[in-house]
Protein backbone atom coordinates (compact mmCIF):
# COMPACT_ATOMS: atom_id res chain seq x y z
CA UNK A 1 -2.48 40.10 56.40
CA UNK A 2 -4.26 41.31 59.22
CA UNK A 3 -4.92 39.41 62.42
CA UNK A 4 -8.45 40.28 62.25
CA UNK A 5 -11.09 38.85 59.64
CA UNK A 6 -14.69 39.73 58.77
CA UNK A 7 -17.44 37.68 56.84
CA UNK A 8 -20.72 39.21 55.04
CA UNK A 9 -23.36 36.72 54.31
CA UNK A 10 -26.70 36.39 54.68
CA UNK A 11 -26.72 40.35 54.86
CA UNK A 12 -24.81 39.78 58.19
CA UNK A 13 -21.60 40.42 59.05
CA UNK A 14 -19.62 38.08 61.60
CA UNK A 15 -16.28 38.37 62.94
CA UNK A 16 -13.66 39.10 64.08
CA UNK A 17 -12.03 36.19 63.05
CA UNK A 18 -8.43 34.78 63.05
CA UNK A 19 -6.85 33.49 59.87
CA UNK A 20 -6.96 30.13 61.65
CA UNK A 21 -10.39 30.44 62.32
CA UNK A 22 -11.48 31.81 59.28
CA UNK A 23 -9.76 29.33 56.87
CA UNK A 24 -11.26 26.11 59.46
CA UNK A 25 -14.29 27.80 58.61
CA UNK A 26 -14.06 27.69 54.98
CA UNK A 27 -13.10 23.98 55.05
CA UNK A 28 -15.63 23.20 57.30
CA UNK A 29 -17.96 24.50 54.51
CA UNK A 30 -19.65 27.23 56.63
CA UNK A 31 -17.66 30.31 54.41
CA UNK A 32 -18.66 29.76 50.68
CA UNK A 33 -16.29 30.74 47.87
CA UNK A 34 -19.37 33.62 47.45
CA UNK A 35 -19.27 34.98 51.12
CA UNK A 36 -17.40 38.09 50.93
CA UNK A 37 -14.58 38.60 53.48
CA UNK A 38 -12.33 41.66 54.42
CA UNK A 39 -9.70 42.76 56.91
CA UNK A 40 -7.83 46.17 57.79
CA UNK A 41 -5.25 45.59 54.98
CA UNK A 42 -7.94 45.30 52.14
CA UNK A 43 -9.67 48.36 50.64
CA UNK A 44 -13.17 46.62 49.88
CA UNK A 45 -15.20 43.34 50.56
CA UNK A 46 -13.81 40.31 47.99
CA UNK A 47 -15.43 36.76 47.43
CA UNK A 48 -13.47 34.19 49.70
CA UNK A 49 -12.76 32.59 46.30
CA UNK A 50 -10.35 35.38 45.90
CA UNK A 51 -8.69 35.31 48.69
CA UNK A 52 -5.38 33.13 48.37
CA UNK A 53 -5.11 29.60 50.15
CA UNK A 54 -8.83 30.02 51.61
CA UNK A 55 -10.88 28.15 49.22
CA UNK A 56 -8.54 26.15 47.05
CA UNK A 57 -7.74 23.73 49.48
CA UNK A 58 -11.30 22.92 49.70
CA UNK A 59 -11.91 22.70 45.93
CA UNK A 60 -9.11 20.26 45.82
CA UNK A 61 -10.23 18.03 49.25
CA UNK A 62 -13.72 17.78 46.80
CA UNK A 63 -12.05 17.04 43.67
CA UNK A 64 -10.11 14.36 45.57
CA UNK A 65 -13.00 12.96 47.27
CA UNK A 66 -15.43 12.55 44.22
CA UNK A 67 -12.26 10.71 42.32
CA UNK A 68 -12.40 8.40 45.39
CA UNK A 69 -16.02 7.74 45.33
CA UNK A 70 -16.13 7.61 41.33
CA UNK A 71 -13.00 4.92 41.25
CA UNK A 72 -14.93 2.81 44.25
CA UNK A 73 -18.52 2.72 42.28
CA UNK A 74 -16.27 2.16 39.14
CA UNK A 75 -14.42 -1.17 40.51
CA UNK A 76 -17.64 -2.28 42.60
CA UNK A 77 -19.22 -2.08 38.93
CA UNK A 78 -16.37 -4.24 37.40
CA UNK A 79 -16.09 -6.76 40.29
CA UNK A 80 -19.89 -7.57 39.90
CA UNK A 81 -20.13 -7.80 36.48
CA UNK A 82 -16.97 -10.10 36.74
CA UNK A 83 -18.57 -12.16 39.69
CA UNK A 84 -21.63 -12.66 37.13
CA UNK A 85 -20.11 -13.58 34.34
CA UNK A 86 -17.97 -16.15 35.90
CA UNK A 87 -20.56 -17.80 38.06
CA UNK A 88 -24.35 -17.10 36.60
CA UNK A 89 -23.77 -15.99 32.99
CA UNK A 90 -24.17 -19.77 31.03
CA UNK A 91 -25.57 -18.29 27.85
CA UNK A 92 -22.63 -19.00 25.85
CA UNK A 93 -22.24 -22.54 27.15
CA UNK A 94 -26.16 -23.42 26.73
CA UNK A 95 -25.62 -22.06 22.83
CA UNK A 96 -22.14 -24.66 22.93
CA UNK A 97 -23.79 -27.39 24.30
CA UNK A 98 -26.96 -27.42 21.92
CA UNK A 99 -24.46 -27.08 19.10
CA UNK A 100 -22.07 -29.81 20.00
CA UNK A 101 -25.64 -31.98 20.73
CA UNK A 102 -26.94 -31.20 16.95
CA UNK A 103 -23.55 -31.86 15.43
CA UNK A 104 -23.85 -35.52 17.26
CA UNK A 105 -26.80 -35.70 15.74
CA UNK A 106 -25.99 -34.93 12.29
CA UNK A 107 -22.89 -37.01 12.57
CA UNK A 108 -24.87 -39.96 13.32
CA UNK A 109 -26.89 -39.39 10.33
CA UNK A 110 -24.34 -38.68 7.56
CA UNK A 111 -21.15 -39.28 9.33
CA UNK A 112 -18.26 -37.19 10.24
CA UNK A 113 -16.39 -37.04 7.28
CA UNK A 114 -19.22 -35.76 5.13
CA UNK A 115 -19.92 -33.35 8.28
CA UNK A 116 -16.46 -31.56 8.16
CA UNK A 117 -16.51 -31.53 4.34
CA UNK A 118 -19.92 -30.21 3.40
CA UNK A 119 -21.75 -26.84 4.58
CA UNK A 120 -24.52 -28.83 6.76
CA UNK A 121 -27.42 -27.83 8.81
CA UNK A 122 -27.75 -24.06 8.96
CA UNK A 123 -30.77 -22.82 11.70
CA UNK A 124 -31.06 -19.81 9.21
CA UNK A 125 -31.57 -22.09 6.23
CA UNK A 126 -34.40 -24.67 7.93
CA UNK A 127 -37.62 -23.45 6.35
CA UNK A 128 -35.60 -22.43 2.76
CA UNK A 129 -37.15 -25.96 0.90
CA UNK A 130 -40.70 -24.10 2.00
CA UNK A 131 -40.02 -21.23 -0.17
CA UNK A 132 -42.69 -21.81 -2.92
CA UNK A 133 -40.33 -19.82 -5.77
CA UNK A 134 -37.21 -22.00 -4.97
CA UNK A 135 -35.60 -18.89 -4.84
CA UNK A 136 -32.49 -18.96 -2.33
CA UNK A 137 -30.22 -15.73 -1.64
CA UNK A 138 -29.09 -13.99 -5.26
CA UNK A 139 -29.98 -16.98 -7.30
CA UNK A 140 -32.77 -16.95 -9.89
CA UNK A 141 -35.39 -19.88 -10.30
CA UNK A 142 -35.54 -21.52 -13.70
CA UNK A 143 -38.09 -23.94 -14.64
CA UNK A 144 -37.54 -27.72 -15.36
CA UNK A 145 -37.61 -28.43 -19.25
CA UNK A 146 -40.21 -31.01 -19.53
CA UNK A 147 -38.08 -32.56 -22.45
CA UNK A 148 -35.57 -33.66 -19.90
CA UNK A 149 -37.78 -35.60 -17.88
CA UNK A 150 -37.38 -35.60 -13.82
CA UNK A 151 -33.97 -36.38 -12.09
CA UNK A 152 -34.05 -37.62 -8.75
CA UNK A 153 -30.91 -36.06 -7.77
CA UNK A 154 -31.46 -32.68 -8.86
CA UNK A 155 -34.78 -32.79 -6.70
CA UNK A 156 -33.21 -34.36 -3.60
CA UNK A 157 -31.40 -31.72 -1.30
CA UNK A 158 -27.87 -32.46 -0.43
CA UNK A 159 -27.66 -30.36 2.75
CA UNK A 160 -28.98 -31.99 5.59
CA UNK A 161 -31.56 -30.12 7.00
CA UNK A 162 -33.84 -30.02 10.10
CA UNK A 163 -37.84 -30.07 9.81
CA UNK A 164 -41.18 -31.10 11.64
CA UNK A 165 -42.34 -34.79 10.66
CA UNK A 166 -45.00 -36.75 12.30
CA UNK A 167 -45.54 -34.38 15.38
CA UNK A 168 -41.66 -34.91 15.82
CA UNK A 169 -38.42 -33.83 14.46
CA UNK A 170 -36.48 -34.94 11.54
CA UNK A 171 -32.67 -34.17 10.48
CA UNK A 172 -31.23 -35.62 7.24
CA UNK A 173 -31.81 -35.44 3.69
CA UNK A 174 -34.94 -34.07 1.79
CA UNK A 175 -36.42 -34.72 -1.56
CA UNK A 176 -39.21 -31.90 -2.54
CA UNK A 177 -39.18 -30.89 1.47
CA UNK A 178 -39.95 -34.40 2.30
CA UNK A 179 -37.46 -36.90 4.42
CA UNK A 180 -35.76 -38.80 1.91
CA UNK A 181 -32.61 -41.09 2.05
CA UNK A 182 -30.37 -41.37 5.45
CA UNK A 183 -31.65 -39.12 9.01
CA UNK A 184 -32.88 -39.30 12.20
CA UNK A 185 -36.52 -39.05 13.63
CA UNK A 186 -37.36 -38.17 17.42
CA UNK A 187 -40.42 -37.97 18.97
CA UNK A 188 -41.68 -36.01 22.24
CA UNK A 189 -43.07 -39.22 23.32
CA UNK A 190 -40.04 -41.30 23.53
CA UNK A 191 -39.84 -42.54 19.83
CA UNK A 192 -36.41 -42.50 17.89
CA UNK A 193 -35.81 -43.85 14.28
CA UNK A 194 -32.44 -44.05 12.46
CA UNK A 195 -32.12 -45.31 9.22
CA UNK A 196 -33.87 -45.16 5.95
CA UNK A 197 -36.48 -42.78 4.57
CA UNK A 198 -38.41 -42.91 1.25
CA UNK A 199 -40.73 -40.23 0.21
CA UNK A 200 -41.57 -38.96 3.46
CA UNK A 201 -42.09 -42.32 4.90
CA UNK A 202 -40.14 -44.74 7.42
CA UNK A 203 -39.07 -47.03 4.87
CA UNK A 204 -35.74 -49.30 4.35
CA UNK A 205 -33.60 -50.69 6.72
CA UNK A 206 -33.16 -48.95 10.46
CA UNK A 207 -33.09 -49.00 14.00
CA UNK A 208 -36.36 -47.80 15.91
CA UNK A 209 -36.26 -47.25 19.47
CA UNK A 210 -40.02 -47.49 21.53
CA UNK A 211 -40.77 -45.65 24.49
CA UNK A 212 -40.44 -48.85 26.63
CA UNK A 213 -36.97 -49.43 26.00
CA UNK A 214 -37.61 -52.08 23.14
CA UNK A 215 -35.20 -51.84 19.75
CA UNK A 216 -36.22 -52.98 16.44
CA UNK A 217 -33.31 -53.12 14.19
CA UNK A 218 -33.97 -54.53 10.37
CA UNK A 219 -36.26 -53.56 7.59
CA UNK A 220 -39.26 -51.63 8.09
CA UNK A 221 -42.10 -49.98 5.76
CA UNK A 222 -44.20 -47.01 6.11
CA UNK A 223 -42.81 -47.20 10.15
CA UNK A 224 -43.40 -50.56 11.06
CA UNK A 225 -41.23 -53.50 11.07
CA UNK A 226 -41.56 -55.66 7.74
CA UNK A 227 -39.02 -58.05 6.68
CA UNK A 228 -36.06 -59.65 8.71
CA UNK A 229 -35.22 -57.92 11.60
CA UNK A 230 -34.38 -58.24 15.43
CA UNK A 231 -36.75 -57.23 18.19
CA UNK A 232 -34.47 -56.45 21.25
CA UNK A 233 -36.17 -56.46 24.78
CA UNK A 234 -35.22 -54.27 28.06
CA UNK A 235 -35.03 -57.30 29.74
CA UNK A 236 -32.12 -58.67 26.88
CA UNK A 237 -34.40 -60.88 25.34
CA UNK A 238 -34.09 -60.94 21.70
CA UNK A 239 -36.68 -62.06 18.77
CA UNK A 240 -35.29 -62.55 15.09
CA UNK A 241 -37.14 -63.29 12.21
CA UNK A 242 -39.79 -62.61 9.98
CA UNK A 243 -42.07 -59.35 10.45
CA UNK A 244 -45.30 -58.45 8.49
CA UNK A 245 -46.31 -55.07 9.26
CA UNK A 246 -45.21 -54.73 12.60
CA UNK A 247 -46.37 -58.47 13.47
CA UNK A 248 -43.67 -61.09 14.49
CA UNK A 249 -44.11 -64.21 12.01
CA UNK A 250 -43.66 -67.59 14.05
CA UNK A 251 -41.24 -69.82 12.29
CA UNK A 252 -42.73 -73.57 11.71
CA UNK A 253 -40.01 -74.69 9.51
CA UNK A 254 -38.19 -76.66 11.92
CA UNK A 255 -41.41 -78.59 12.84
CA UNK A 256 -42.42 -79.40 9.22
CA UNK A 257 -38.67 -80.81 8.29
CA UNK A 258 -39.23 -83.26 11.51
CA UNK A 259 -42.55 -84.06 10.29
CA UNK A 260 -40.85 -84.95 7.03
CA UNK A 261 -38.17 -86.71 8.48
CA UNK A 262 -40.33 -88.75 10.46
CA UNK A 263 -42.61 -89.93 7.88
CA UNK A 264 -39.79 -90.77 5.41
CA UNK A 265 -38.21 -92.61 8.27
CA UNK A 266 -41.65 -94.72 9.04
CA UNK A 267 -42.11 -95.23 5.05
CA UNK A 268 -38.53 -96.78 4.89
CA UNK A 269 -39.16 -98.67 7.88
CA UNK A 270 -42.43 -100.29 6.15
CA UNK A 271 -40.25 -101.09 2.81
CA UNK A 272 -37.57 -102.91 4.87
CA UNK A 273 -40.50 -104.77 6.73
CA UNK A 274 -42.21 -105.48 3.46
CA UNK A 275 -38.86 -106.65 1.90
CA UNK A 276 -37.93 -108.96 4.80
CA UNK A 277 -41.77 -110.25 4.67
CA UNK A 278 -40.91 -111.53 1.19
CA UNK A 279 -37.29 -112.60 1.65
CA UNK A 280 -38.95 -115.48 4.19
CA UNK A 281 -41.71 -116.20 1.60
CA UNK A 282 -39.19 -116.75 -0.82
CA UNK A 283 -37.11 -119.37 1.26
């Protein structure tokens, strides 16, 4: 190649340039691939991109720069995502905690063995008992035979479910869509009951915990202590005995026995005195 190069761009001719200066201008981006260049060894002007070694190096450098920038961006995005999932993302853990808490409640209600061997509470199946047609999945509902009477076993749901009950939440077995059998009921005000339910009522044997910390264990009827039971107060004091509609009945048997025994003793003393007097008279 000749020593002198000329550049034609923006309708102006520039030069002469040595090859080194021309190459530096191209590397700096001052000479574009479509700019025309010429020296005395060439018949006509040609685009700079057609001159070997003039523009190719610039392209390679641009490609390398783009690759480096893309790699850096990908690295930072990946690092940021990893940092977020490691230190801030808690969605799956919360779901696991909720599932474990729900499982613990059901274990208390039905026992661990039954929980492991049966298909229990499924959130997607909570409201299936509200289906007026009684259809679940692809099963076809059939009307009961009036000649066969009613069977409590058929109307009782074996699956442990969770429903809204008395402004709280009930988890346990159902009968005709109502709590029936063993279950757990919790209320936002702090009430919690675990035990027997009967036809939509808290009835049978169980443990009722009150917002103030009191805990009653015994028999209940319609949600109130009724029958034999024990009330444990937060200070450790216990009251055991008979309850009627939530009211403790005072025990007076001991006092009555004392009075009877005293009465019998007095009568015995009078009889002994009478016998003594008769003996004295006979003498």
